[in-house]
Amino acid sequence: MALIGNCTFTTYEVNDDGQTIGTDTDYTDVYLCITQISNFNNWYGNEEGNPTKDVIVHFQFAGYESENARNADKEDYLFWDQIQLDNPDLTTSLYEQMYEQLKQRQGLTNLIDG
């Protein structure tokens, strides 16, 4: 699964004055896919001492010129970032949830399932 379409990706850097500057880059017909998933399970006790499981899912994604470009060299991406999956539902596909969250991210809203 991947997302395909036009999008804008913002990169940030800190200038010499300590200000953060964002630069937007527009991409046409980008191929965006999840490249890595990190799943952390933390156990802790609640007020009654019962074990409670906390699940945190971080994932990395990258945008490529095309599916063929990604298949040829997965390290030759146009842009890359990582985010946390908000409130994962462990009864449904994590991939579907991650791609839905990506479609709602600012700048990536013009992407569709590919």
Protein backbone atom coordinates (compact mmCIF):
# COMPACT_ATOMS: atom_id res chain seq x y z
CA MET A 1 0.00 0.00 0.00
CA ALA A 2 1.10 3.56 -0.66
CA LEU A 3 -0.31 7.03 -1.21
CA ILE A 4 -0.04 8.76 -4.57
CA GLY A 5 -0.66 12.32 -5.69
CA ASN A 6 0.41 15.91 -5.28
CA CYS A 7 1.52 17.26 -1.94
CA THR A 8 3.55 19.88 -0.14
CA PHE A 9 6.21 18.90 2.37
CA THR A 10 7.67 21.40 4.82
CA THR A 11 11.24 21.16 6.07
CA TYR A 12 12.46 23.18 9.03
CA GLU A 13 15.84 24.55 9.97
CA VAL A 14 17.13 26.91 12.63
CA ASN A 15 18.95 29.98 11.32
CA ASP A 16 21.87 31.79 12.98
CA ASP A 17 19.41 33.96 14.98
CA GLY A 18 17.85 30.87 16.53
CA GLN A 19 14.60 31.26 14.57
CA THR A 20 12.98 28.24 12.99
CA ILE A 21 12.36 28.69 9.27
CA GLY A 22 9.96 26.46 7.34
CA THR A 23 10.43 25.84 3.63
CA ASP A 24 7.62 24.33 1.55
CA THR A 25 8.38 22.13 -1.43
CA ASP A 26 5.61 21.06 -3.81
CA TYR A 27 5.69 17.57 -5.30
CA THR A 28 3.70 16.21 -8.23
CA ASP A 29 2.70 12.53 -8.55
CA VAL A 30 4.71 11.58 -5.47
CA TYR A 31 4.73 7.97 -4.23
CA LEU A 32 4.57 8.01 -0.42
CA CYS A 33 4.93 4.88 1.68
CA ILE A 34 5.63 3.77 5.23
CA THR A 35 9.21 2.61 5.57
CA GLN A 36 9.48 1.55 9.21
CA ILE A 37 7.27 0.88 12.22
CA SER A 38 8.37 0.86 15.86
CA ASN A 39 5.90 -0.56 18.36
CA PHE A 40 6.50 0.05 22.07
CA ASN A 41 4.48 -1.77 24.73
CA ASN A 42 4.75 -0.30 28.20
CA TRP A 43 3.23 -2.00 31.23
CA TYR A 44 2.48 -0.14 34.43
CA GLY A 45 0.13 -0.50 37.39
CA ASN A 46 -3.05 1.53 37.70
CA GLU A 47 -4.44 2.89 40.99
CA GLU A 48 -5.57 -0.59 42.10
CA GLY A 49 -2.21 -2.13 41.20
CA ASN A 50 -3.57 -3.94 38.14
CA PRO A 51 -1.26 -4.10 35.13
CA THR A 52 -2.17 -1.70 32.33
CA LYS A 53 -0.72 -1.81 28.83
CA ASP A 54 0.19 1.40 27.00
CA VAL A 55 0.91 1.03 23.28
CA ILE A 56 2.95 3.61 21.39
CA VAL A 57 3.49 3.28 17.64
CA HIS A 58 6.04 5.43 15.82
CA PHE A 59 6.42 5.16 12.07
CA GLN A 60 8.63 6.55 9.36
CA PHE A 61 7.45 7.49 5.89
CA ALA A 62 9.15 8.66 2.73
CA GLY A 63 8.12 10.22 -0.56
CA TYR A 64 9.61 9.00 -3.84
CA GLU A 65 9.41 10.06 -7.48
CA SER A 66 7.61 6.79 -8.28
CA GLU A 67 7.12 3.23 -7.14
CA ASN A 68 9.94 2.16 -9.48
CA ALA A 69 12.27 4.74 -7.92
CA ARG A 70 11.46 3.39 -4.45
CA ASN A 71 12.02 -0.20 -5.58
CA ALA A 72 15.35 0.74 -7.20
CA ASP A 73 16.77 2.49 -4.11
CA LYS A 74 14.71 2.95 -0.96
CA GLU A 75 17.30 5.42 0.41
CA ASP A 76 16.87 7.78 -2.57
CA TYR A 77 13.76 9.56 -1.29
CA LEU A 78 12.49 13.08 -1.97
CA PHE A 79 11.53 13.61 1.66
CA TRP A 80 11.36 11.63 4.87
CA ASP A 81 9.83 12.07 8.32
CA GLN A 82 8.58 10.16 11.32
CA ILE A 83 5.53 10.60 13.51
CA GLN A 84 3.55 8.83 16.20
CA LEU A 85 0.28 7.08 15.47
CA ASP A 86 -2.35 8.81 17.56
CA ASN A 87 -4.48 6.45 19.68
CA PRO A 88 -3.80 3.16 17.85
CA ASP A 89 -6.73 0.75 17.66
CA LEU A 90 -5.19 -2.69 18.03
CA THR A 91 -8.29 -4.40 16.64
CA THR A 92 -7.79 -2.97 13.12
CA SER A 93 -4.89 -2.73 10.67
CA LEU A 94 -2.12 -0.43 11.91
CA TYR A 95 -1.10 0.24 8.29
CA GLU A 96 -4.56 1.54 7.42
CA GLN A 97 -4.55 3.77 10.51
CA MET A 98 -1.10 5.15 9.68
CA TYR A 99 -2.02 5.92 6.07
CA GLU A 100 -5.24 7.61 7.20
CA GLN A 101 -3.26 9.75 9.64
CA LEU A 102 -0.83 10.68 6.86
CA LYS A 103 -3.72 11.77 4.61
CA GLN A 104 -4.76 14.23 7.33
CA ARG A 105 -1.29 15.69 7.86
CA GLN A 106 -0.86 19.26 6.68
CA GLY A 107 0.47 19.32 3.12
CA LEU A 108 -0.25 15.65 2.47
CA THR A 109 -4.03 16.00 2.15
CA ASN A 110 -4.04 15.65 -1.67
CA LEU A 111 -2.82 12.05 -1.59
CA ILE A 112 -5.03 9.05 -2.31
CA ASP A 113 -4.62 5.30 -1.83
CA GLY A 114 -2.36 3.88 -4.50
